[in-house]
């Protein structure tokens, strides 16, 4: 699992994940993800388009950081998860707690407006 973080001029924090959010992949990115996603009030967009698999531990990572970010007055959203990943997220009800977007511009606008 690889992680890339971009702090955009608009104020949006964009996190790009690439690989599998299984126990090994989640362990590899957890500290960096948590520091970037939940350590301050921010609008955070997680690009999931290159995540090929998500296990329950990966879902827990997303949920716990979304809650921590919300407690700081920020908002986390997910962008373009692959169909198998999106199906897992929807089946688990994650989409009820974390918005899933298919359009980067809409996601950016809504997340920044929520601050």
PDB file of N, CA and C in Angstrom:
ATOM      1  N   UNK A   1       0.855  -1.173   0.000  1.00  0.00           N
ATOM      2  CA  UNK A   1       0.000   0.000   0.000  1.00  0.00           C
ATOM      3  C   UNK A   1       0.896   1.229   0.000  1.00  0.00           C
ATOM      4  N   UNK A   2       0.589   2.158  -0.875  1.00  0.00           N
ATOM      5  CA  UNK A   2       1.305   3.428  -0.948  1.00  0.00           C
ATOM      6  C   UNK A   2       0.337   4.565  -0.630  1.00  0.00           C
ATOM      7  N   UNK A   3       0.898   5.636  -0.089  1.00  0.00           N
ATOM      8  CA  UNK A   3       0.104   6.813   0.234  1.00  0.00           C
ATOM      9  C   UNK A   3       0.836   8.049  -0.271  1.00  0.00           C
ATOM     10  N   UNK A   4       0.068   8.961  -0.829  1.00  0.00           N
ATOM     11  CA  UNK A   4       0.602  10.250  -1.269  1.00  0.00           C
ATOM     12  C   UNK A   4      -0.340  11.323  -0.752  1.00  0.00           C
ATOM     13  N   UNK A   5       0.222  12.396  -0.233  1.00  0.00           N
ATOM     14  CA  UNK A   5      -0.587  13.471   0.341  1.00  0.00           C
ATOM     15  C   UNK A   5      -0.277  14.772  -0.381  1.00  0.00           C
ATOM     16  N   UNK A   6      -1.328  15.478  -0.779  1.00  0.00           N
ATOM     17  CA  UNK A   6      -1.192  16.790  -1.405  1.00  0.00           C
ATOM     18  C   UNK A   6      -2.029  17.793  -0.628  1.00  0.00           C
ATOM     19  N   UNK A   7      -1.396  18.847  -0.148  1.00  0.00           N
ATOM     20  CA  UNK A   7      -2.110  19.945   0.496  1.00  0.00           C
ATOM     21  C   UNK A   7      -2.329  21.008  -0.575  1.00  0.00           C
ATOM     22  N   UNK A   8      -3.543  21.113  -1.067  1.00  0.00           N
ATOM     23  CA  UNK A   8      -3.851  22.012  -2.172  1.00  0.00           C
ATOM     24  C   UNK A   8      -4.062  23.438  -1.693  1.00  0.00           C
ATOM     25  N   UNK A   9      -3.826  24.394  -2.581  1.00  0.00           N
ATOM     26  CA  UNK A   9      -3.985  25.805  -2.254  1.00  0.00           C
ATOM     27  C   UNK A   9      -5.401  26.139  -1.800  1.00  0.00           C
ATOM     28  N   UNK A  10      -6.374  25.389  -2.261  1.00  0.00           N
ATOM     29  CA  UNK A  10      -7.768  25.639  -1.898  1.00  0.00           C
ATOM     30  C   UNK A  10      -8.041  25.351  -0.426  1.00  0.00           C
ATOM     31  N   UNK A  11      -7.112  24.650   0.233  1.00  0.00           N
ATOM     32  CA  UNK A  11      -7.321  24.252   1.620  1.00  0.00           C
ATOM     33  C   UNK A  11      -7.693  22.784   1.751  1.00  0.00           C
ATOM     34  N   UNK A  12      -7.898  22.133   0.628  1.00  0.00           N
ATOM     35  CA  UNK A  12      -8.250  20.719   0.615  1.00  0.00           C
ATOM     36  C   UNK A  12      -6.988  19.876   0.796  1.00  0.00           C
ATOM     37  N   UNK A  13      -7.093  18.851   1.631  1.00  0.00           N
ATOM     38  CA  UNK A  13      -6.028  17.860   1.771  1.00  0.00           C
ATOM     39  C   UNK A  13      -6.465  16.653   0.951  1.00  0.00           C
ATOM     40  N   UNK A  14      -5.645  16.286  -0.009  1.00  0.00           N
ATOM     41  CA  UNK A  14      -5.965  15.150  -0.869  1.00  0.00           C
ATOM     42  C   UNK A  14      -5.004  14.012  -0.535  1.00  0.00           C
ATOM     43  N   UNK A  15      -5.595  12.856  -0.208  1.00  0.00           N
ATOM     44  CA  UNK A  15      -4.799  11.674   0.114  1.00  0.00           C
ATOM     45  C   UNK A  15      -5.084  10.630  -0.955  1.00  0.00           C
ATOM     46  N   UNK A  16      -4.043  10.181  -1.622  1.00  0.00           N
ATOM     47  CA  UNK A  16      -4.170   9.167  -2.658  1.00  0.00           C
ATOM     48  C   UNK A  16      -3.639   7.842  -2.108  1.00  0.00           C
ATOM     49  N   UNK A  17      -4.480   6.827  -2.135  1.00  0.00           N
ATOM     50  CA  UNK A  17      -4.096   5.499  -1.685  1.00  0.00           C
ATOM     51  C   UNK A  17      -3.976   4.581  -2.891  1.00  0.00           C
ATOM     52  N   UNK A  18      -2.990   3.681  -2.840  1.00  0.00           N
ATOM     53  CA  UNK A  18      -2.755   2.770  -3.948  1.00  0.00           C
ATOM     54  C   UNK A  18      -2.361   1.413  -3.381  1.00  0.00           C
ATOM     55  N   UNK A  19      -3.188   0.394  -3.646  1.00  0.00           N
ATOM     56  CA  UNK A  19      -2.886  -0.949  -3.175  1.00  0.00           C
ATOM     57  C   UNK A  19      -4.073  -1.582  -2.483  1.00  0.00           C
ATOM     58  N   UNK A  20      -3.781  -2.376  -1.468  1.00  0.00           N
ATOM     59  CA  UNK A  20      -4.815  -3.120  -0.741  1.00  0.00           C
ATOM     60  C   UNK A  20      -4.900  -2.617   0.695  1.00  0.00           C
ATOM     61  N   UNK A  21      -6.107  -2.284   1.123  1.00  0.00           N
ATOM     62  CA  UNK A  21      -6.326  -1.896   2.523  1.00  0.00           C
ATOM     63  C   UNK A  21      -6.713  -3.144   3.318  1.00  0.00           C
ATOM     64  N   UNK A  22      -5.796  -4.099   3.337  1.00  0.00           N
ATOM     65  CA  UNK A  22      -5.945  -5.275   4.178  1.00  0.00           C
ATOM     66  C   UNK A  22      -5.110  -5.020   5.432  1.00  0.00           C
ATOM     67  N   UNK A  23      -4.855  -6.038   6.228  1.00  0.00           N
ATOM     68  CA  UNK A  23      -4.133  -5.813   7.481  1.00  0.00           C
ATOM     69  C   UNK A  23      -2.722  -5.276   7.224  1.00  0.00           C
ATOM     70  N   UNK A  24      -2.036  -5.817   6.230  1.00  0.00           N
ATOM     71  CA  UNK A  24      -0.681  -5.363   5.921  1.00  0.00           C
ATOM     72  C   UNK A  24      -0.684  -3.952   5.343  1.00  0.00           C
ATOM     73  N   UNK A  25      -1.548  -3.693   4.380  1.00  0.00           N
ATOM     74  CA  UNK A  25      -1.608  -2.382   3.744  1.00  0.00           C
ATOM     75  C   UNK A  25      -2.048  -1.293   4.696  1.00  0.00           C
ATOM     76  N   UNK A  26      -3.034  -1.598   5.521  1.00  0.00           N
ATOM     77  CA  UNK A  26      -3.512  -0.620   6.500  1.00  0.00           C
ATOM     78  C   UNK A  26      -2.408  -0.292   7.497  1.00  0.00           C
ATOM     79  N   UNK A  27      -1.697  -1.314   7.948  1.00  0.00           N
ATOM     80  CA  UNK A  27      -0.580  -1.092   8.869  1.00  0.00           C
ATOM     81  C   UNK A  27       0.502  -0.215   8.266  1.00  0.00           C
ATOM     82  N   UNK A  28       0.706  -0.359   6.963  1.00  0.00           N
ATOM     83  CA  UNK A  28       1.754   0.405   6.286  1.00  0.00           C
ATOM     84  C   UNK A  28       1.443   1.897   6.185  1.00  0.00           C
ATOM     85  N   UNK A  29       0.163   2.253   6.130  1.00  0.00           N
ATOM     86  CA  UNK A  29      -0.195   3.663   5.921  1.00  0.00           C
ATOM     87  C   UNK A  29      -0.893   4.313   7.110  1.00  0.00           C
ATOM     88  N   UNK A  30      -1.224   3.538   8.124  1.00  0.00           N
ATOM     89  CA  UNK A  30      -2.076   4.035   9.210  1.00  0.00           C
ATOM     90  C   UNK A  30      -1.548   5.297   9.888  1.00  0.00           C
ATOM     91  N   UNK A  31      -0.289   5.322  10.273  1.00  0.00           N
ATOM     92  CA  UNK A  31       0.241   6.491  10.988  1.00  0.00           C
ATOM     93  C   UNK A  31       0.235   7.741  10.110  1.00  0.00           C
ATOM     94  N   UNK A  32       0.701   7.616   8.888  1.00  0.00           N
ATOM     95  CA  UNK A  32       0.720   8.759   7.973  1.00  0.00           C
ATOM     96  C   UNK A  32      -0.696   9.212   7.670  1.00  0.00           C
ATOM     97  N   UNK A  33      -1.590   8.259   7.406  1.00  0.00           N
ATOM     98  CA  UNK A  33      -2.974   8.598   7.093  1.00  0.00           C
ATOM     99  C   UNK A  33      -3.614   9.356   8.251  1.00  0.00           C
ATOM    100  N   UNK A  34      -3.463   8.835   9.456  1.00  0.00           N
ATOM    101  CA  UNK A  34      -4.079   9.469  10.628  1.00  0.00           C
ATOM    102  C   UNK A  34      -3.509  10.856  10.865  1.00  0.00           C
ATOM    103  N   UNK A  35      -2.194  11.014  10.744  1.00  0.00           N
ATOM    104  CA  UNK A  35      -1.584  12.327  10.929  1.00  0.00           C
ATOM    105  C   UNK A  35      -2.127  13.325   9.910  1.00  0.00           C
ATOM    106  N   UNK A  36      -2.233  12.930   8.668  1.00  0.00           N
ATOM    107  CA  UNK A  36      -2.676  13.838   7.612  1.00  0.00           C
ATOM    108  C   UNK A  36      -4.191  14.058   7.620  1.00  0.00           C
ATOM    109  N   UNK A  37      -4.945  13.038   7.990  1.00  0.00           N
ATOM    110  CA  UNK A  37      -6.402  13.111   7.872  1.00  0.00           C
ATOM    111  C   UNK A  37      -7.093  13.673   9.105  1.00  0.00           C
ATOM    112  N   UNK A  38      -6.548  13.455  10.277  1.00  0.00           N
ATOM    113  CA  UNK A  38      -7.341  13.757  11.465  1.00  0.00           C
ATOM    114  C   UNK A  38      -6.639  14.596  12.515  1.00  0.00           C
ATOM    115  N   UNK A  39      -5.491  15.145  12.207  1.00  0.00           N
ATOM    116  CA  UNK A  39      -4.759  15.884  13.231  1.00  0.00           C
ATOM    117  C   UNK A  39      -5.153  17.356  13.322  1.00  0.00           C
ATOM    118  N   UNK A  40      -5.933  17.835  12.345  1.00  0.00           N
ATOM    119  CA  UNK A  40      -6.339  19.244  12.373  1.00  0.00           C
ATOM    120  C   UNK A  40      -7.659  19.393  11.617  1.00  0.00           C
ATOM    121  N   UNK A  41      -8.309  20.509  11.831  1.00  0.00           N
ATOM    122  CA  UNK A  41      -9.543  20.798  11.103  1.00  0.00           C
ATOM    123  C   UNK A  41      -9.210  20.982   9.635  1.00  0.00           C
ATOM    124  N   UNK A  42      -9.830  20.175   8.786  1.00  0.00           N
ATOM    125  CA  UNK A  42      -9.533  20.245   7.358  1.00  0.00           C
ATOM    126  C   UNK A  42     -10.640  19.573   6.556  1.00  0.00           C
ATOM    127  N   UNK A  43     -10.647  19.859   5.279  1.00  0.00           N
ATOM    128  CA  UNK A  43     -11.462  19.125   4.312  1.00  0.00           C
ATOM    129  C   UNK A  43     -10.511  18.113   3.681  1.00  0.00           C
ATOM    130  N   UNK A  44     -10.824  16.824   3.811  1.00  0.00           N
ATOM    131  CA  UNK A  44      -9.928  15.766   3.359  1.00  0.00           C
ATOM    132  C   UNK A  44     -10.652  14.903   2.330  1.00  0.00           C
ATOM    133  N   UNK A  45     -10.038  14.759   1.169  1.00  0.00           N
ATOM    134  CA  UNK A  45     -10.582  13.916   0.110  1.00  0.00           C
ATOM    135  C   UNK A  45      -9.619  12.749  -0.103  1.00  0.00           C
ATOM    136  N   UNK A  46     -10.129  11.537   0.101  1.00  0.00           N
ATOM    137  CA  UNK A  46      -9.319  10.330  -0.050  1.00  0.00           C
ATOM    138  C   UNK A  46      -9.624   9.714  -1.409  1.00  0.00           C
ATOM    139  N   UNK A  47      -8.644   9.756  -2.302  1.00  0.00           N
ATOM    140  CA  UNK A  47      -8.796   9.170  -3.635  1.00  0.00           C
ATOM    141  C   UNK A  47      -8.592   7.665  -3.507  1.00  0.00           C
ATOM    142  N   UNK A  48      -9.689   6.928  -3.707  1.00  0.00           N
ATOM    143  CA  UNK A  48      -9.686   5.474  -3.543  1.00  0.00           C
ATOM    144  C   UNK A  48      -9.626   4.742  -4.884  1.00  0.00           C
ATOM    145  N   UNK A  49      -9.410   5.447  -5.979  1.00  0.00           N
ATOM    146  CA  UNK A  49      -9.494   4.836  -7.300  1.00  0.00           C
ATOM    147  C   UNK A  49      -8.456   3.748  -7.537  1.00  0.00           C
ATOM    148  N   UNK A  50      -7.336   3.779  -6.820  1.00  0.00           N
ATOM    149  CA  UNK A  50      -6.294   2.767  -7.002  1.00  0.00           C
ATOM    150  C   UNK A  50      -6.264   1.751  -5.860  1.00  0.00           C
ATOM    151  N   UNK A  51      -7.309   1.743  -5.020  1.00  0.00           N
ATOM    152  CA  UNK A  51      -7.417   0.740  -3.959  1.00  0.00           C
ATOM    153  C   UNK A  51      -8.172  -0.448  -4.545  1.00  0.00           C
ATOM    154  N   UNK A  52      -7.502  -1.589  -4.587  1.00  0.00           N
ATOM    155  CA  UNK A  52      -8.084  -2.750  -5.245  1.00  0.00           C
ATOM    156  C   UNK A  52      -8.849  -3.678  -4.311  1.00  0.00           C
ATOM    157  N   UNK A  53      -8.677  -3.489  -2.984  1.00  0.00           N
ATOM    158  CA  UNK A  53      -9.351  -4.343  -1.997  1.00  0.00           C
ATOM    159  C   UNK A  53      -9.411  -3.583  -0.689  1.00  0.00           C
ATOM    160  N   UNK A  54     -10.510  -3.780   0.059  1.00  0.00           N
ATOM    161  CA  UNK A  54     -10.604  -3.193   1.398  1.00  0.00           C
ATOM    162  C   UNK A  54     -11.173  -4.237   2.357  1.00  0.00           C
ATOM    163  N   UNK A  55     -10.474  -4.437   3.456  1.00  0.00           N
ATOM    164  CA  UNK A  55     -10.920  -5.336   4.518  1.00  0.00           C
ATOM    165  C   UNK A  55     -11.539  -4.502   5.635  1.00  0.00           C
ATOM    166  N   UNK A  56     -12.091  -5.166   6.616  1.00  0.00           N
ATOM    167  CA  UNK A  56     -12.735  -4.449   7.723  1.00  0.00           C
ATOM    168  C   UNK A  56     -11.751  -3.530   8.445  1.00  0.00           C
ATOM    169  N   UNK A  57     -10.489  -3.913   8.534  1.00  0.00           N
ATOM    170  CA  UNK A  57      -9.509  -3.050   9.198  1.00  0.00           C
ATOM    171  C   UNK A  57      -9.292  -1.759   8.412  1.00  0.00           C
ATOM    172  N   UNK A  58      -9.374  -1.822   7.095  1.00  0.00           N
ATOM    173  CA  UNK A  58      -9.283  -0.621   6.266  1.00  0.00           C
ATOM    174  C   UNK A  58     -10.501   0.270   6.457  1.00  0.00           C
ATOM    175  N   UNK A  59     -11.669  -0.349   6.583  1.00  0.00           N
ATOM    176  CA  UNK A  59     -12.892   0.420   6.843  1.00  0.00           C
ATOM    177  C   UNK A  59     -12.808   1.105   8.199  1.00  0.00           C
ATOM    178  N   UNK A  60     -12.247   0.403   9.180  1.00  0.00           N
ATOM    179  CA  UNK A  60     -12.089   0.988  10.517  1.00  0.00           C
ATOM    180  C   UNK A  60     -11.166   2.200  10.453  1.00  0.00           C
ATOM    181  N   UNK A  61     -10.093   2.110   9.666  1.00  0.00           N
ATOM    182  CA  UNK A  61      -9.185   3.239   9.493  1.00  0.00           C
ATOM    183  C   UNK A  61      -9.931   4.452   8.952  1.00  0.00           C
ATOM    184  N   UNK A  62     -10.739   4.251   7.933  1.00  0.00           N
ATOM    185  CA  UNK A  62     -11.506   5.359   7.351  1.00  0.00           C
ATOM    186  C   UNK A  62     -12.496   5.933   8.351  1.00  0.00           C
ATOM    187  N   UNK A  63     -13.254   5.059   9.020  1.00  0.00           N
ATOM    188  CA  UNK A  63     -14.274   5.521   9.971  1.00  0.00           C
ATOM    189  C   UNK A  63     -13.676   6.248  11.164  1.00  0.00           C
ATOM    190  N   UNK A  64     -12.638   5.687  11.753  1.00  0.00           N
ATOM    191  CA  UNK A  64     -12.076   6.323  12.951  1.00  0.00           C
ATOM    192  C   UNK A  64     -11.491   7.693  12.618  1.00  0.00           C
ATOM    193  N   UNK A  65     -10.885   7.822  11.461  1.00  0.00           N
ATOM    194  CA  UNK A  65     -10.335   9.119  11.067  1.00  0.00           C
ATOM    195  C   UNK A  65     -11.427  10.101  10.669  1.00  0.00           C
ATOM    196  N   UNK A  66     -12.490   9.630  10.038  1.00  0.00           N
ATOM    197  CA  UNK A  66     -13.609  10.511   9.697  1.00  0.00           C
ATOM    198  C   UNK A  66     -14.240  11.071  10.964  1.00  0.00           C
ATOM    199  N   UNK A  67     -14.390  10.223  11.982  1.00  0.00           N
ATOM    200  CA  UNK A  67     -14.971  10.684  13.253  1.00  0.00           C
ATOM    201  C   UNK A  67     -14.053  11.677  13.956  1.00  0.00           C
ATOM    202  N   UNK A  68     -12.766  11.370  14.007  1.00  0.00           N
ATOM    203  CA  UNK A  68     -11.806  12.275  14.647  1.00  0.00           C
ATOM    204  C   UNK A  68     -11.774  13.615  13.932  1.00  0.00           C
ATOM    205  N   UNK A  69     -11.799  13.576  12.616  1.00  0.00           N
ATOM    206  CA  UNK A  69     -11.794  14.808  11.826  1.00  0.00           C
ATOM    207  C   UNK A  69     -13.063  15.612  12.064  1.00  0.00           C
ATOM    208  N   UNK A  70     -14.194  14.925  12.116  1.00  0.00           N
ATOM    209  CA  UNK A  70     -15.464  15.601  12.370  1.00  0.00           C
ATOM    210  C   UNK A  70     -15.470  16.264  13.746  1.00  0.00           C
ATOM    211  N   UNK A  71     -14.869  15.608  14.733  1.00  0.00           N
ATOM    212  CA  UNK A  71     -14.774  16.180  16.083  1.00  0.00           C
ATOM    213  C   UNK A  71     -13.933  17.450  16.111  1.00  0.00           C
ATOM    214  N   UNK A  72     -13.057  17.627  15.133  1.00  0.00           N
ATOM    215  CA  UNK A  72     -12.233  18.834  15.016  1.00  0.00           C
ATOM    216  C   UNK A  72     -12.876  19.874  14.098  1.00  0.00           C
ATOM    217  N   UNK A  73     -14.059  19.561  13.576  1.00  0.00           N
ATOM    218  CA  UNK A  73     -14.757  20.504  12.711  1.00  0.00           C
ATOM    219  C   UNK A  73     -14.460  20.318  11.235  1.00  0.00           C
ATOM    220  N   UNK A  74     -13.803  19.216  10.876  1.00  0.00           N
ATOM    221  CA  UNK A  74     -13.475  18.952   9.485  1.00  0.00           C
ATOM    222  C   UNK A  74     -14.402  17.922   8.865  1.00  0.00           C
ATOM    223  N   UNK A  75     -14.082  17.528   7.651  1.00  0.00           N
ATOM    224  CA  UNK A  75     -14.929  16.579   6.915  1.00  0.00           C
ATOM    225  C   UNK A  75     -14.060  15.727   6.009  1.00  0.00           C
ATOM    226  N   UNK A  76     -14.359  14.421   5.951  1.00  0.00           N
ATOM    227  CA  UNK A  76     -13.645  13.483   5.102  1.00  0.00           C
ATOM    228  C   UNK A  76     -14.603  12.922   4.066  1.00  0.00           C
ATOM    229  N   UNK A  77     -14.129  12.801   2.844  1.00  0.00           N
ATOM    230  CA  UNK A  77     -14.903  12.185   1.772  1.00  0.00           C
ATOM    231  C   UNK A  77     -14.043  11.227   0.988  1.00  0.00           C
ATOM    232  N   UNK A  78     -14.688  10.297   0.292  1.00  0.00           N
ATOM    233  CA  UNK A  78     -13.996   9.300  -0.515  1.00  0.00           C
ATOM    234  C   UNK A  78     -14.275   9.565  -1.979  1.00  0.00           C
ATOM    235  N   UNK A  79     -13.267   9.397  -2.821  1.00  0.00           N
ATOM    236  CA  UNK A  79     -13.401   9.667  -4.250  1.00  0.00           C
ATOM    237  C   UNK A  79     -13.152   8.403  -5.062  1.00  0.00           C
ATOM    238  N   UNK A  80     -14.093   8.100  -5.930  1.00  0.00           N
ATOM    239  CA  UNK A  80     -13.962   7.065  -6.962  1.00  0.00           C
ATOM    240  C   UNK A  80     -13.430   5.713  -6.507  1.00  0.00           C
ATOM    241  N   UNK A  81     -14.029   5.098  -5.495  1.00  0.00           N
ATOM    242  CA  UNK A  81     -13.568   3.749  -5.173  1.00  0.00           C
ATOM    243  C   UNK A  81     -13.893   2.787  -6.314  1.00  0.00           C
ATOM    244  N   UNK A  82     -13.011   1.816  -6.540  1.00  0.00           N
ATOM    245  CA  UNK A  82     -13.270   0.787  -7.538  1.00  0.00           C
ATOM    246  C   UNK A  82     -14.576   0.075  -7.180  1.00  0.00           C
ATOM    247  N   UNK A  83     -15.222  -0.528  -8.152  1.00  0.00           N
ATOM    248  CA  UNK A  83     -16.552  -1.100  -7.927  1.00  0.00           C
ATOM    249  C   UNK A  83     -16.570  -2.127  -6.799  1.00  0.00           C
ATOM    250  N   UNK A  84     -15.571  -3.000  -6.715  1.00  0.00           N
ATOM    251  CA  UNK A  84     -15.552  -4.003  -5.653  1.00  0.00           C
ATOM    252  C   UNK A  84     -15.362  -3.345  -4.282  1.00  0.00           C
ATOM    253  N   UNK A  85     -14.572  -2.280  -4.219  1.00  0.00           N
ATOM    254  CA  UNK A  85     -14.352  -1.555  -2.969  1.00  0.00           C
ATOM    255  C   UNK A  85     -15.618  -0.786  -2.593  1.00  0.00           C
ATOM    256  N   UNK A  86     -16.235  -0.123  -3.560  1.00  0.00           N
ATOM    257  CA  UNK A  86     -17.462   0.623  -3.293  1.00  0.00           C
ATOM    258  C   UNK A  86     -18.560  -0.314  -2.803  1.00  0.00           C
ATOM    259  N   UNK A  87     -18.665  -1.472  -3.416  1.00  0.00           N
ATOM    260  CA  UNK A  87     -19.671  -2.448  -2.984  1.00  0.00           C
ATOM    261  C   UNK A  87     -19.455  -2.849  -1.526  1.00  0.00           C
ATOM    262  N   UNK A  88     -18.209  -3.079  -1.141  1.00  0.00           N
ATOM    263  CA  UNK A  88     -17.899  -3.427   0.248  1.00  0.00           C
ATOM    264  C   UNK A  88     -18.245  -2.284   1.194  1.00  0.00           C
ATOM    265  N   UNK A  89     -17.925  -1.054   0.798  1.00  0.00           N
ATOM    266  CA  UNK A  89     -18.223   0.118   1.630  1.00  0.00           C
ATOM    267  C   UNK A  89     -19.729   0.310   1.803  1.00  0.00           C
ATOM    268  N   UNK A  90     -20.484   0.148   0.727  1.00  0.00           N
ATOM    269  CA  UNK A  90     -21.940   0.317   0.775  1.00  0.00           C
ATOM    270  C   UNK A  90     -22.568  -0.805   1.596  1.00  0.00           C
ATOM    271  N   UNK A  91     -22.113  -2.032   1.396  1.00  0.00           N
ATOM    272  CA  UNK A  91     -22.641  -3.165   2.157  1.00  0.00           C
ATOM    273  C   UNK A  91     -22.431  -2.970   3.652  1.00  0.00           C
ATOM    274  N   UNK A  92     -21.288  -2.408   4.017  1.00  0.00           N
ATOM    275  CA  UNK A  92     -20.978  -2.155   5.431  1.00  0.00           C
ATOM    276  C   UNK A  92     -21.653  -0.901   5.969  1.00  0.00           C
ATOM    277  N   UNK A  93     -22.291  -0.106   5.105  1.00  0.00           N
ATOM    278  CA  UNK A  93     -22.957   1.114   5.537  1.00  0.00           C
ATOM    279  C   UNK A  93     -22.037   2.310   5.694  1.00  0.00           C
ATOM    280  N   UNK A  94     -20.810   2.197   5.229  1.00  0.00           N
ATOM    281  CA  UNK A  94     -19.844   3.292   5.354  1.00  0.00           C
ATOM    282  C   UNK A  94     -20.322   4.524   4.589  1.00  0.00           C
ATOM    283  N   UNK A  95     -21.008   4.300   3.477  1.00  0.00           N
ATOM    284  CA  UNK A  95     -21.488   5.424   2.659  1.00  0.00           C
ATOM    285  C   UNK A  95     -22.503   6.289   3.394  1.00  0.00           C
ATOM    286  N   UNK A  96     -23.099   5.772   4.455  1.00  0.00           N
ATOM    287  CA  UNK A  96     -24.037   6.557   5.275  1.00  0.00           C
ATOM    288  C   UNK A  96     -23.297   7.495   6.214  1.00  0.00           C
ATOM    289  N   UNK A  97     -22.028   7.190   6.475  1.00  0.00           N
ATOM    290  CA  UNK A  97     -21.229   7.967   7.418  1.00  0.00           C
ATOM    291  C   UNK A  97     -20.165   8.824   6.746  1.00  0.00           C
ATOM    292  N   UNK A  98     -19.661   8.358   5.614  1.00  0.00           N
ATOM    293  CA  UNK A  98     -18.638   9.084   4.865  1.00  0.00           C
ATOM    294  C   UNK A  98     -19.145   9.219   3.433  1.00  0.00           C
ATOM    295  N   UNK A  99     -19.271  10.445   2.928  1.00  0.00           N
ATOM    296  CA  UNK A  99     -19.767  10.598   1.556  1.00  0.00           C
ATOM    297  C   UNK A  99     -18.792  10.016   0.534  1.00  0.00           C
ATOM    298  N   UNK A 100     -19.367   9.387  -0.487  1.00  0.00           N
ATOM    299  CA  UNK A 100     -18.590   8.832  -1.592  1.00  0.00           C
ATOM    300  C   UNK A 100     -18.912   9.654  -2.832  1.00  0.00           C
ATOM    301  N   UNK A 101     -17.874  10.173  -3.477  1.00  0.00           N
ATOM    302  CA  UNK A 101     -18.032  11.043  -4.640  1.00  0.00           C
ATOM    303  C   UNK A 101     -17.467  10.381  -5.892  1.00  0.00           C
ATOM    304  N   UNK A 102     -18.047  10.741  -7.032  1.00  0.00           N
ATOM    305  CA  UNK A 102     -17.516  10.289  -8.319  1.00  0.00           C
ATOM    306  C   UNK A 102     -16.883  11.453  -9.085  1.00  0.00           C
ATOM    307  N   UNK A 103     -17.069  12.672  -8.595  1.00  0.00           N
ATOM    308  CA  UNK A 103     -16.562  13.862  -9.276  1.00  0.00           C
ATOM    309  C   UNK A 103     -15.690  14.675  -8.318  1.00  0.00           C
ATOM    310  N   UNK A 104     -14.441  14.890  -8.689  1.00  0.00           N
ATOM    311  CA  UNK A 104     -13.487  15.605  -7.837  1.00  0.00           C
ATOM    312  C   UNK A 104     -13.928  17.041  -7.540  1.00  0.00           C
ATOM    313  N   UNK A 105     -14.440  17.750  -8.545  1.00  0.00           N
ATOM    314  CA  UNK A 105     -14.847  19.146  -8.345  1.00  0.00           C
ATOM    315  C   UNK A 105     -16.002  19.245  -7.355  1.00  0.00           C
ATOM    316  N   UNK A 106     -16.990  18.376  -7.498  1.00  0.00           N
ATOM    317  CA  UNK A 106     -18.129  18.369  -6.575  1.00  0.00           C
ATOM    318  C   UNK A 106     -17.666  18.016  -5.169  1.00  0.00           C
ATOM    319  N   UNK A 107     -16.812  17.016  -5.075  1.00  0.00           N
ATOM    320  CA  UNK A 107     -16.296  16.602  -3.770  1.00  0.00           C
ATOM    321  C   UNK A 107     -15.561  17.753  -3.088  1.00  0.00           C
ATOM    322  N   UNK A 108     -14.669  18.394  -3.820  1.00  0.00           N
ATOM    323  CA  UNK A 108     -13.905  19.513  -3.257  1.00  0.00           C
ATOM    324  C   UNK A 108     -14.825  20.622  -2.774  1.00  0.00           C
ATOM    325  N   UNK A 109     -15.792  20.981  -3.608  1.00  0.00           N
ATOM    326  CA  UNK A 109     -16.714  22.060  -3.270  1.00  0.00           C
ATOM    327  C   UNK A 109     -17.517  21.720  -2.014  1.00  0.00           C
ATOM    328  N   UNK A 110     -18.072  20.518  -1.948  1.00  0.00           N
ATOM    329  CA  UNK A 110     -18.902  20.155  -0.796  1.00  0.00           C
ATOM    330  C   UNK A 110     -18.085  20.004   0.484  1.00  0.00           C
ATOM    331  N   UNK A 111     -16.898  19.427   0.387  1.00  0.00           N
ATOM    332  CA  UNK A 111     -16.076  19.267   1.579  1.00  0.00           C
ATOM    333  C   UNK A 111     -15.602  20.610   2.111  1.00  0.00           C
ATOM    334  N   UNK A 112     -15.158  21.488   1.243  1.00  0.00           N
ATOM    335  CA  UNK A 112     -14.704  22.811   1.679  1.00  0.00           C
ATOM    336  C   UNK A 112     -15.864  23.644   2.234  1.00  0.00           C
ATOM    337  N   UNK A 113     -17.059  23.498   1.662  1.00  0.00           N
ATOM    338  CA  UNK A 113     -18.226  24.236   2.150  1.00  0.00           C
ATOM    339  C   UNK A 113     -18.650  23.787   3.540  1.00  0.00           C
ATOM    340  N   UNK A 114     -18.274  22.568   3.926  1.00  0.00           N
ATOM    341  CA  UNK A 114     -18.688  22.038   5.225  1.00  0.00           C
ATOM    342  C   UNK A 114     -17.850  22.576   6.377  1.00  0.00           C
ATOM    343  N   UNK A 115     -16.756  23.276   6.068  1.00  0.00           N
ATOM    344  CA  UNK A 115     -15.878  23.795   7.130  1.00  0.00           C
ATOM    345  C   UNK A 115     -16.456  25.044   7.765  1.00  0.00           C
TER     346      UNK A 115
END
